[in-house]
Amino acid sequence: MYQDKTLVCKDCGQDFIFTAGEQEFYAEKGFQNEPARCKDCRMARKANANSGRRERVMYDAVCAECGKETQIPFNPTNDRPVYCRECFEARKNM
């Protein structure tokens, strides 16, 4: 039903093969458009998109339950207790 197609990458201008298996996969997923980039350019584009993400800032804290030092993804304030992962999970399951 499907046959390999040669397409031209819109980023690098190189020919690449859109295989019959890839075409079948695209059809199963309901994708309407053929790929516009070769595999290398898709991977490079994805890597560049992910590099723009900020690193998550972690803050040091002391668990209000067991006293263990831990790190949390928000700046702790004195108005609410902070728990380590183990104590948080234990309290969540109560």
N, C-alpha and C. Protein backbone atom coordinates (compact mmCIF):
# COMPACT_ATOMS: atom_id res chain seq x y z
N MET A 1 0.83 -1.19 0.00
CA MET A 1 0.00 0.00 0.00
C MET A 1 0.88 1.26 0.00
N TYR A 2 1.84 1.32 0.90
CA TYR A 2 2.73 2.47 0.95
C TYR A 2 4.06 2.12 0.29
N GLN A 3 4.69 3.13 -0.30
CA GLN A 3 6.00 2.95 -0.92
C GLN A 3 6.93 4.03 -0.39
N ASP A 4 8.22 3.70 -0.27
CA ASP A 4 9.20 4.69 0.18
C ASP A 4 9.15 5.92 -0.74
N LYS A 5 9.28 7.10 -0.11
CA LYS A 5 9.30 8.36 -0.86
C LYS A 5 10.58 9.11 -0.52
N THR A 6 11.11 9.81 -1.49
CA THR A 6 12.25 10.68 -1.26
C THR A 6 11.72 12.10 -1.07
N LEU A 7 12.05 12.69 0.07
CA LEU A 7 11.64 14.06 0.38
C LEU A 7 12.89 14.92 0.56
N VAL A 8 12.72 16.22 0.51
CA VAL A 8 13.83 17.16 0.69
C VAL A 8 13.63 17.89 2.01
N CYS A 9 14.67 17.86 2.85
CA CYS A 9 14.63 18.52 4.15
C CYS A 9 14.58 20.03 3.96
N LYS A 10 13.65 20.69 4.67
CA LYS A 10 13.52 22.13 4.50
C LYS A 10 14.62 22.90 5.24
N ASP A 11 15.34 22.24 6.15
CA ASP A 11 16.43 22.92 6.85
C ASP A 11 17.76 22.78 6.14
N CYS A 12 18.17 21.55 5.84
CA CYS A 12 19.50 21.32 5.26
C CYS A 12 19.49 21.11 3.75
N GLY A 13 18.30 20.88 3.17
CA GLY A 13 18.19 20.71 1.73
C GLY A 13 18.59 19.33 1.22
N GLN A 14 18.92 18.41 2.12
CA GLN A 14 19.32 17.06 1.72
C GLN A 14 18.09 16.18 1.50
N ASP A 15 18.24 15.23 0.59
CA ASP A 15 17.18 14.24 0.38
C ASP A 15 17.16 13.27 1.56
N PHE A 16 15.96 12.81 1.93
CA PHE A 16 15.82 11.75 2.92
C PHE A 16 14.65 10.87 2.54
N ILE A 17 14.66 9.65 3.03
CA ILE A 17 13.63 8.67 2.68
C ILE A 17 12.53 8.68 3.74
N PHE A 18 11.31 8.84 3.28
CA PHE A 18 10.12 8.69 4.11
C PHE A 18 9.62 7.28 3.84
N THR A 19 9.99 6.36 4.73
CA THR A 19 9.76 4.93 4.46
C THR A 19 8.27 4.58 4.49
N ALA A 20 7.96 3.43 3.91
CA ALA A 20 6.58 2.94 3.90
C ALA A 20 6.10 2.73 5.34
N GLY A 21 6.98 2.22 6.20
CA GLY A 21 6.62 2.01 7.60
C GLY A 21 6.31 3.33 8.31
N GLU A 22 7.11 4.35 8.03
CA GLU A 22 6.85 5.67 8.63
C GLU A 22 5.53 6.24 8.11
N GLN A 23 5.25 6.05 6.84
CA GLN A 23 3.99 6.53 6.27
C GLN A 23 2.80 5.85 6.93
N GLU A 24 2.94 4.56 7.15
CA GLU A 24 1.86 3.81 7.82
C GLU A 24 1.66 4.33 9.25
N PHE A 25 2.77 4.56 9.95
CA PHE A 25 2.71 5.12 11.30
C PHE A 25 2.00 6.47 11.30
N TYR A 26 2.38 7.34 10.37
CA TYR A 26 1.76 8.67 10.27
C TYR A 26 0.25 8.52 10.03
N ALA A 27 -0.13 7.59 9.16
CA ALA A 27 -1.55 7.38 8.86
C ALA A 27 -2.30 6.88 10.09
N GLU A 28 -1.70 5.95 10.84
CA GLU A 28 -2.34 5.42 12.06
C GLU A 28 -2.55 6.51 13.09
N LYS A 29 -1.60 7.43 13.19
CA LYS A 29 -1.71 8.53 14.16
C LYS A 29 -2.59 9.67 13.66
N GLY A 30 -2.99 9.61 12.41
CA GLY A 30 -3.86 10.65 11.85
C GLY A 30 -3.11 11.91 11.43
N PHE A 31 -1.79 11.81 11.27
CA PHE A 31 -1.01 12.97 10.83
C PHE A 31 -1.35 13.27 9.38
N GLN A 32 -1.57 14.53 9.06
CA GLN A 32 -1.96 14.93 7.72
C GLN A 32 -0.77 15.28 6.84
N ASN A 33 0.32 15.79 7.44
CA ASN A 33 1.46 16.28 6.67
C ASN A 33 2.64 15.32 6.73
N GLU A 34 3.38 15.29 5.64
CA GLU A 34 4.60 14.51 5.61
C GLU A 34 5.67 15.26 6.41
N PRO A 35 6.70 14.57 6.88
CA PRO A 35 7.76 15.27 7.61
C PRO A 35 8.47 16.27 6.70
N ALA A 36 8.83 17.42 7.24
CA ALA A 36 9.50 18.45 6.46
C ALA A 36 11.01 18.43 6.68
N ARG A 37 11.46 17.72 7.73
CA ARG A 37 12.88 17.70 8.08
C ARG A 37 13.39 16.26 8.13
N CYS A 38 14.68 16.11 7.81
CA CYS A 38 15.31 14.81 7.94
C CYS A 38 15.50 14.48 9.42
N LYS A 39 15.84 13.24 9.71
CA LYS A 39 15.98 12.81 11.10
C LYS A 39 17.01 13.63 11.86
N ASP A 40 18.17 13.92 11.24
CA ASP A 40 19.21 14.70 11.91
C ASP A 40 18.73 16.11 12.25
N CYS A 41 18.04 16.75 11.32
CA CYS A 41 17.54 18.11 11.58
C CYS A 41 16.42 18.11 12.62
N ARG A 42 15.58 17.06 12.62
CA ARG A 42 14.54 16.96 13.65
C ARG A 42 15.18 16.83 15.03
N MET A 43 16.21 15.98 15.13
CA MET A 43 16.89 15.79 16.42
C MET A 43 17.58 17.07 16.86
N ALA A 44 18.22 17.78 15.94
CA ALA A 44 18.90 19.03 16.27
C ALA A 44 17.90 20.08 16.72
N ARG A 45 16.77 20.14 16.06
CA ARG A 45 15.72 21.12 16.42
C ARG A 45 15.17 20.81 17.80
N LYS A 46 14.95 19.55 18.06
CA LYS A 46 14.44 19.14 19.37
C LYS A 46 15.45 19.45 20.48
N ALA A 47 16.73 19.20 20.21
CA ALA A 47 17.78 19.49 21.20
C ALA A 47 17.85 20.98 21.48
N ASN A 48 17.72 21.81 20.45
CA ASN A 48 17.75 23.26 20.64
C ASN A 48 16.53 23.75 21.42
N ALA A 49 15.39 23.14 21.20
CA ALA A 49 14.18 23.54 21.92
C ALA A 49 14.31 23.21 23.39
N ASN A 50 14.90 22.06 23.70
CA ASN A 50 15.06 21.66 25.10
C ASN A 50 16.15 22.45 25.81
N SER A 51 17.11 22.98 25.07
CA SER A 51 18.20 23.72 25.71
C SER A 51 17.73 25.07 26.24
N GLY A 52 16.60 25.57 25.76
CA GLY A 52 16.07 26.85 26.22
C GLY A 52 15.35 26.77 27.54
N ARG A 53 15.13 25.58 28.04
CA ARG A 53 14.43 25.43 29.31
C ARG A 53 15.34 25.77 30.47
N ARG A 54 14.76 26.38 31.47
CA ARG A 54 15.53 26.76 32.65
C ARG A 54 15.71 25.55 33.56
N GLU A 55 16.84 25.54 34.24
CA GLU A 55 17.07 24.53 35.26
C GLU A 55 16.15 24.82 36.44
N ARG A 56 15.64 23.79 37.06
CA ARG A 56 14.80 23.97 38.23
C ARG A 56 15.68 24.35 39.41
N VAL A 57 15.31 25.43 40.09
CA VAL A 57 16.05 25.88 41.26
C VAL A 57 15.53 25.11 42.47
N MET A 58 16.43 24.52 43.22
CA MET A 58 16.06 23.78 44.42
C MET A 58 16.55 24.54 45.65
N TYR A 59 15.76 24.50 46.71
CA TYR A 59 16.08 25.21 47.95
C TYR A 59 16.32 24.21 49.07
N ASP A 60 17.29 24.52 49.91
CA ASP A 60 17.57 23.68 51.08
C ASP A 60 16.53 23.96 52.15
N ALA A 61 16.12 22.89 52.83
CA ALA A 61 15.14 23.00 53.91
C ALA A 61 15.36 21.85 54.90
N VAL A 62 14.72 21.97 56.04
CA VAL A 62 14.77 20.92 57.06
C VAL A 62 13.35 20.40 57.23
N CYS A 63 13.19 19.08 57.18
CA CYS A 63 11.88 18.46 57.30
C CYS A 63 11.28 18.75 58.68
N ALA A 64 10.04 19.20 58.69
CA ALA A 64 9.35 19.53 59.94
C ALA A 64 8.98 18.27 60.72
N GLU A 65 8.98 17.11 60.06
CA GLU A 65 8.59 15.86 60.71
C GLU A 65 9.80 15.13 61.31
N CYS A 66 10.81 14.86 60.49
CA CYS A 66 11.93 14.03 60.95
C CYS A 66 13.23 14.81 61.17
N GLY A 67 13.28 16.06 60.73
CA GLY A 67 14.45 16.89 60.93
C GLY A 67 15.56 16.68 59.91
N LYS A 68 15.32 15.84 58.90
CA LYS A 68 16.33 15.56 57.88
C LYS A 68 16.44 16.75 56.92
N GLU A 69 17.69 17.02 56.47
CA GLU A 69 17.88 18.06 55.47
C GLU A 69 17.37 17.53 54.13
N THR A 70 16.71 18.41 53.37
CA THR A 70 16.13 18.02 52.09
C THR A 70 16.19 19.21 51.15
N GLN A 71 15.82 18.97 49.91
CA GLN A 71 15.71 20.05 48.93
C GLN A 71 14.30 20.05 48.37
N ILE A 72 13.79 21.27 48.15
CA ILE A 72 12.43 21.44 47.66
C ILE A 72 12.44 22.42 46.50
N PRO A 73 11.44 22.34 45.59
CA PRO A 73 11.43 23.20 44.40
C PRO A 73 10.78 24.57 44.60
N PHE A 74 10.61 24.99 45.84
CA PHE A 74 10.05 26.31 46.11
C PHE A 74 10.78 26.91 47.30
N ASN A 75 10.73 28.22 47.40
CA ASN A 75 11.40 28.91 48.49
C ASN A 75 10.54 28.77 49.75
N PRO A 76 11.04 28.08 50.78
CA PRO A 76 10.22 27.85 51.98
C PRO A 76 9.99 29.15 52.76
N THR A 77 8.82 29.23 53.35
CA THR A 77 8.50 30.35 54.25
C THR A 77 8.21 29.77 55.63
N ASN A 78 8.21 30.60 56.63
CA ASN A 78 8.00 30.12 58.00
C ASN A 78 6.54 29.86 58.33
N ASP A 79 5.62 30.21 57.45
CA ASP A 79 4.20 30.04 57.77
C ASP A 79 3.66 28.64 57.49
N ARG A 80 4.43 27.78 56.80
CA ARG A 80 3.96 26.43 56.51
C ARG A 80 5.10 25.44 56.71
N PRO A 81 4.80 24.24 57.21
CA PRO A 81 5.84 23.23 57.40
C PRO A 81 6.29 22.65 56.07
N VAL A 82 7.54 22.21 56.03
CA VAL A 82 8.13 21.57 54.86
C VAL A 82 8.51 20.15 55.24
N TYR A 83 8.26 19.20 54.32
CA TYR A 83 8.54 17.80 54.60
C TYR A 83 9.49 17.23 53.55
N CYS A 84 10.32 16.27 53.98
CA CYS A 84 11.15 15.54 53.02
C CYS A 84 10.22 14.63 52.21
N ARG A 85 10.75 14.05 51.17
CA ARG A 85 9.93 13.22 50.29
C ARG A 85 9.24 12.08 51.05
N GLU A 86 10.00 11.39 51.92
CA GLU A 86 9.45 10.24 52.63
C GLU A 86 8.31 10.67 53.57
N CYS A 87 8.54 11.72 54.33
CA CYS A 87 7.50 12.20 55.26
C CYS A 87 6.30 12.75 54.50
N PHE A 88 6.55 13.42 53.39
CA PHE A 88 5.45 13.95 52.59
C PHE A 88 4.58 12.81 52.07
N GLU A 89 5.21 11.77 51.54
CA GLU A 89 4.46 10.62 51.03
C GLU A 89 3.68 9.93 52.14
N ALA A 90 4.31 9.80 53.31
CA ALA A 90 3.64 9.15 54.44
C ALA A 90 2.40 9.96 54.88
N ARG A 91 2.53 11.27 54.90
CA ARG A 91 1.40 12.13 55.30
C ARG A 91 0.31 12.12 54.24
N LYS A 92 0.72 12.04 52.98
CA LYS A 92 -0.24 12.03 51.87
C LYS A 92 -1.10 10.77 51.91
N ASN A 93 -0.52 9.66 52.33
CA ASN A 93 -1.22 8.37 52.35
C ASN A 93 -2.00 8.13 53.64
N MET A 94 -2.06 9.10 54.52
CA MET A 94 -2.82 8.93 55.79
C MET A 94 -4.30 9.01 55.56
